[in-house]
């Protein structure tokens, strides 16, 4: 019997949502380079972009109240499917006992969608976590390898716009595999924007 696509998957006490495999970046440290899944999950490569009917059917199989947090973070950039992302989050909010929702994003939603997305996203998500990846443009472009030339600036503007909404907690993150000097540069950059930096272990 053919195995169903992995739209949702558990890591510890959290539920993760995998809506797309599309991403405008090709990060050198991306987990997709080494595995078909994340931290023991089933394969996260999707056969096709799941429809809202498929997404809702998958969610309906879960007891959302049993999770500490729901995180939109799969094998792609969630804001590539902005409309479906919003509809999915709003659908979850209708469920009894729905825990806080977090969006893990590369912060390039504005470039992807051709419009400012901060107000829309911060209205529904409790936490927006932006992958900073590096503290300088040269290093960011080297390790993130985005398709957009102005990605570094756009990512910062998106994060700043999210802070200005005052509607969601905003954090920036880097992975601990980058050099310590880059982590400190990233911390300085995040501080300038007024955002807390989270140094995330590569294996968690």
Protein backbone atom coordinates (compact mmCIF):
# COMPACT_ATOMS: atom_id res chain seq x y z
CA UNK A 1 0.00 0.00 0.00
CA UNK A 2 1.35 3.40 -0.98
CA UNK A 3 2.37 5.62 1.92
CA UNK A 4 0.55 8.94 2.25
CA UNK A 5 2.44 12.21 1.87
CA UNK A 6 3.80 13.68 5.09
CA UNK A 7 1.84 16.90 5.57
CA UNK A 8 2.18 16.92 9.35
CA UNK A 9 4.79 15.29 11.55
CA UNK A 10 5.69 15.24 15.23
CA UNK A 11 8.96 16.18 16.89
CA UNK A 12 8.75 15.85 20.64
CA UNK A 13 5.73 17.74 21.93
CA UNK A 14 5.33 19.84 18.78
CA UNK A 15 3.47 19.31 15.52
CA UNK A 16 5.15 20.45 12.31
CA UNK A 17 3.36 21.31 9.08
CA UNK A 18 4.88 20.61 5.65
CA UNK A 19 2.99 22.52 2.92
CA UNK A 20 5.55 22.81 0.12
CA UNK A 21 8.98 21.76 -1.08
CA UNK A 22 9.59 25.03 -2.94
CA UNK A 23 12.28 27.35 -1.62
CA UNK A 24 14.09 30.36 -3.11
CA UNK A 25 17.27 29.47 -1.23
CA UNK A 26 19.80 26.65 -1.40
CA UNK A 27 21.42 26.91 2.04
CA UNK A 28 24.71 25.07 2.35
CA UNK A 29 23.63 23.58 5.70
CA UNK A 30 20.04 22.70 4.72
CA UNK A 31 18.87 19.43 6.21
CA UNK A 32 17.43 18.50 2.81
CA UNK A 33 20.98 17.97 1.58
CA UNK A 34 21.50 15.03 3.94
CA UNK A 35 18.12 13.45 4.61
CA UNK A 36 14.64 12.79 3.24
CA UNK A 37 13.11 13.71 6.61
CA UNK A 38 13.64 15.79 9.72
CA UNK A 39 14.84 14.28 12.99
CA UNK A 40 13.30 10.88 12.42
CA UNK A 41 10.17 11.94 10.55
CA UNK A 42 8.76 10.15 7.53
CA UNK A 43 10.05 11.49 4.17
CA UNK A 44 9.05 15.11 3.66
CA UNK A 45 9.41 15.25 -0.11
CA UNK A 46 5.86 15.83 -1.39
CA UNK A 47 4.44 14.07 -4.45
CA UNK A 48 2.52 17.26 -5.20
CA UNK A 49 1.52 20.47 -3.45
CA UNK A 50 -1.26 19.28 -1.11
CA UNK A 51 -4.67 20.80 -1.70
CA UNK A 52 -6.59 22.47 1.12
CA UNK A 53 -8.84 19.42 1.21
CA UNK A 54 -5.81 17.18 1.78
CA UNK A 55 -4.35 19.55 4.36
CA UNK A 56 -7.60 19.80 6.34
CA UNK A 57 -8.10 16.03 6.21
CA UNK A 58 -4.61 15.54 7.63
CA UNK A 59 -5.19 18.10 10.38
CA UNK A 60 -8.48 16.48 11.31
CA UNK A 61 -6.58 13.31 12.19
CA UNK A 62 -4.62 15.20 14.85
CA UNK A 63 -5.63 16.22 18.36
CA UNK A 64 -4.20 19.72 18.21
CA UNK A 65 -4.77 20.31 21.91
CA UNK A 66 -2.23 17.60 22.71
CA UNK A 67 0.68 19.63 21.31
CA UNK A 68 2.73 22.36 22.96
CA UNK A 69 3.09 24.29 19.71
CA UNK A 70 2.37 23.96 16.00
CA UNK A 71 5.24 24.92 13.72
CA UNK A 72 4.93 25.59 10.00
CA UNK A 73 8.29 24.27 8.85
CA UNK A 74 8.75 21.45 6.37
CA UNK A 75 10.97 20.81 3.37
CA UNK A 76 10.30 24.21 1.81
CA UNK A 77 9.51 27.86 2.50
CA UNK A 78 5.91 28.02 3.80
CA UNK A 79 5.24 31.50 2.41
CA UNK A 80 5.57 30.13 -1.13
CA UNK A 81 1.96 29.08 -0.51
CA UNK A 82 0.85 32.19 1.32
CA UNK A 83 -2.90 31.77 0.73
CA UNK A 84 -2.87 28.11 1.79
CA UNK A 85 -0.60 28.92 4.72
CA UNK A 86 -3.05 31.50 6.01
CA UNK A 87 -6.09 29.30 5.41
CA UNK A 88 -4.45 26.38 7.20
CA UNK A 89 -3.52 28.50 10.21
CA UNK A 90 -7.00 30.01 10.37
CA UNK A 91 -8.54 26.53 10.16
CA UNK A 92 -6.39 25.35 13.05
CA UNK A 93 -7.47 28.32 15.14
CA UNK A 94 -11.06 27.08 14.89
CA UNK A 95 -10.09 23.81 16.60
CA UNK A 96 -10.67 23.49 20.33
CA UNK A 97 -7.49 23.79 22.38
CA UNK A 98 -5.33 24.86 19.42
CA UNK A 99 -1.85 25.69 20.82
CA UNK A 100 0.27 28.67 19.71
CA UNK A 101 1.25 28.75 16.04
CA UNK A 102 4.81 29.49 14.89
CA UNK A 103 6.00 30.25 11.38
CA UNK A 104 9.58 29.34 10.53
CA UNK A 105 10.51 31.37 7.47
CA UNK A 106 13.49 32.61 5.51
CA UNK A 107 11.90 36.06 5.59
CA UNK A 108 11.59 36.40 1.81
CA UNK A 109 7.78 36.35 1.67
CA UNK A 110 7.64 39.87 0.20
CA UNK A 111 9.91 38.96 -2.71
CA UNK A 112 8.15 35.64 -3.27
CA UNK A 113 4.66 37.13 -3.31
CA UNK A 114 5.35 40.60 -4.64
CA UNK A 115 3.72 42.31 -1.67
CA UNK A 116 4.26 43.02 2.01
CA UNK A 117 3.17 40.01 4.04
CA UNK A 118 4.04 41.01 7.62
CA UNK A 119 0.63 42.36 8.67
CA UNK A 120 -1.19 39.36 7.26
CA UNK A 121 1.10 36.79 8.85
CA UNK A 122 1.41 38.47 12.24
CA UNK A 123 -2.37 38.65 12.50
CA UNK A 124 -2.65 34.86 12.70
CA UNK A 125 0.74 33.55 13.92
CA UNK A 126 1.83 33.87 17.54
CA UNK A 127 5.54 33.65 16.69
CA UNK A 128 7.45 34.52 13.52
CA UNK A 129 10.93 32.99 13.42
CA UNK A 130 13.12 34.42 10.66
CA UNK A 131 16.22 32.53 9.53
CA UNK A 132 19.00 35.11 9.56
CA UNK A 133 21.74 32.59 8.75
CA UNK A 134 24.59 35.14 8.86
CA UNK A 135 25.40 38.59 10.16
CA UNK A 136 26.85 40.10 6.99
CA UNK A 137 25.53 40.28 3.45
CA UNK A 138 28.54 38.56 1.89
CA UNK A 139 28.31 35.61 4.26
CA UNK A 140 24.51 35.48 4.00
CA UNK A 141 24.69 35.26 0.20
CA UNK A 142 27.42 32.64 0.42
CA UNK A 143 25.65 30.27 2.81
CA UNK A 144 22.02 30.94 1.86
CA UNK A 145 22.47 31.20 -1.93
CA UNK A 146 19.12 32.90 -2.57
CA UNK A 147 17.75 33.50 -6.06
CA UNK A 148 17.16 37.17 -5.21
CA UNK A 149 20.02 39.69 -5.26
CA UNK A 150 18.36 41.85 -2.58
CA UNK A 151 17.40 38.94 -0.32
CA UNK A 152 19.50 40.09 2.64
CA UNK A 153 17.84 43.50 2.73
CA UNK A 154 14.36 42.10 2.08
CA UNK A 155 14.73 39.57 4.91
CA UNK A 156 15.64 42.34 7.37
CA UNK A 157 12.77 44.57 6.22
CA UNK A 158 10.30 41.71 6.62
CA UNK A 159 11.53 41.04 10.15
CA UNK A 160 11.38 44.74 11.02
CA UNK A 161 7.86 45.02 9.58
CA UNK A 162 6.77 42.07 11.72
CA UNK A 163 8.13 43.78 14.83
CA UNK A 164 6.25 46.96 13.96
CA UNK A 165 2.91 45.14 13.94
CA UNK A 166 3.32 44.41 17.67
CA UNK A 167 1.00 41.47 17.03
CA UNK A 168 3.42 38.53 17.22
CA UNK A 169 6.65 37.55 18.92
CA UNK A 170 9.47 37.90 16.39
CA UNK A 171 12.79 36.09 16.67
CA UNK A 172 15.73 35.58 14.35
CA UNK A 173 17.77 32.41 14.23
CA UNK A 174 21.12 31.14 13.07
CA UNK A 175 22.40 27.58 13.04
CA UNK A 176 25.35 26.84 15.31
CA UNK A 177 27.44 25.40 12.45
CA UNK A 178 28.42 28.89 11.25
CA UNK A 179 31.61 30.51 12.66
CA UNK A 180 31.38 32.21 16.06
CA UNK A 181 32.25 35.60 14.58
CA UNK A 182 29.28 35.27 12.21
CA UNK A 183 27.02 34.39 15.13
CA UNK A 184 28.13 37.52 16.95
CA UNK A 185 27.64 39.64 13.81
CA UNK A 186 24.18 38.17 13.49
CA UNK A 187 23.44 39.00 17.11
CA UNK A 188 24.47 42.62 16.53
CA UNK A 189 22.27 42.85 13.44
CA UNK A 190 19.27 41.36 15.24
CA UNK A 191 19.78 43.77 18.14
CA UNK A 192 19.72 46.72 15.75
CA UNK A 193 16.33 45.60 14.47
CA UNK A 194 15.16 44.98 18.04
CA UNK A 195 14.83 41.23 17.74
CA UNK A 196 16.12 38.40 19.94
CA UNK A 197 18.59 36.05 18.24
CA UNK A 198 18.26 32.33 18.78
CA UNK A 199 21.32 30.18 18.08
CA UNK A 200 19.77 26.92 16.96
CA UNK A 201 21.59 23.58 17.20
CA UNK A 202 21.85 21.98 13.77
CA UNK A 203 20.53 18.68 15.08
CA UNK A 204 17.41 19.99 16.86
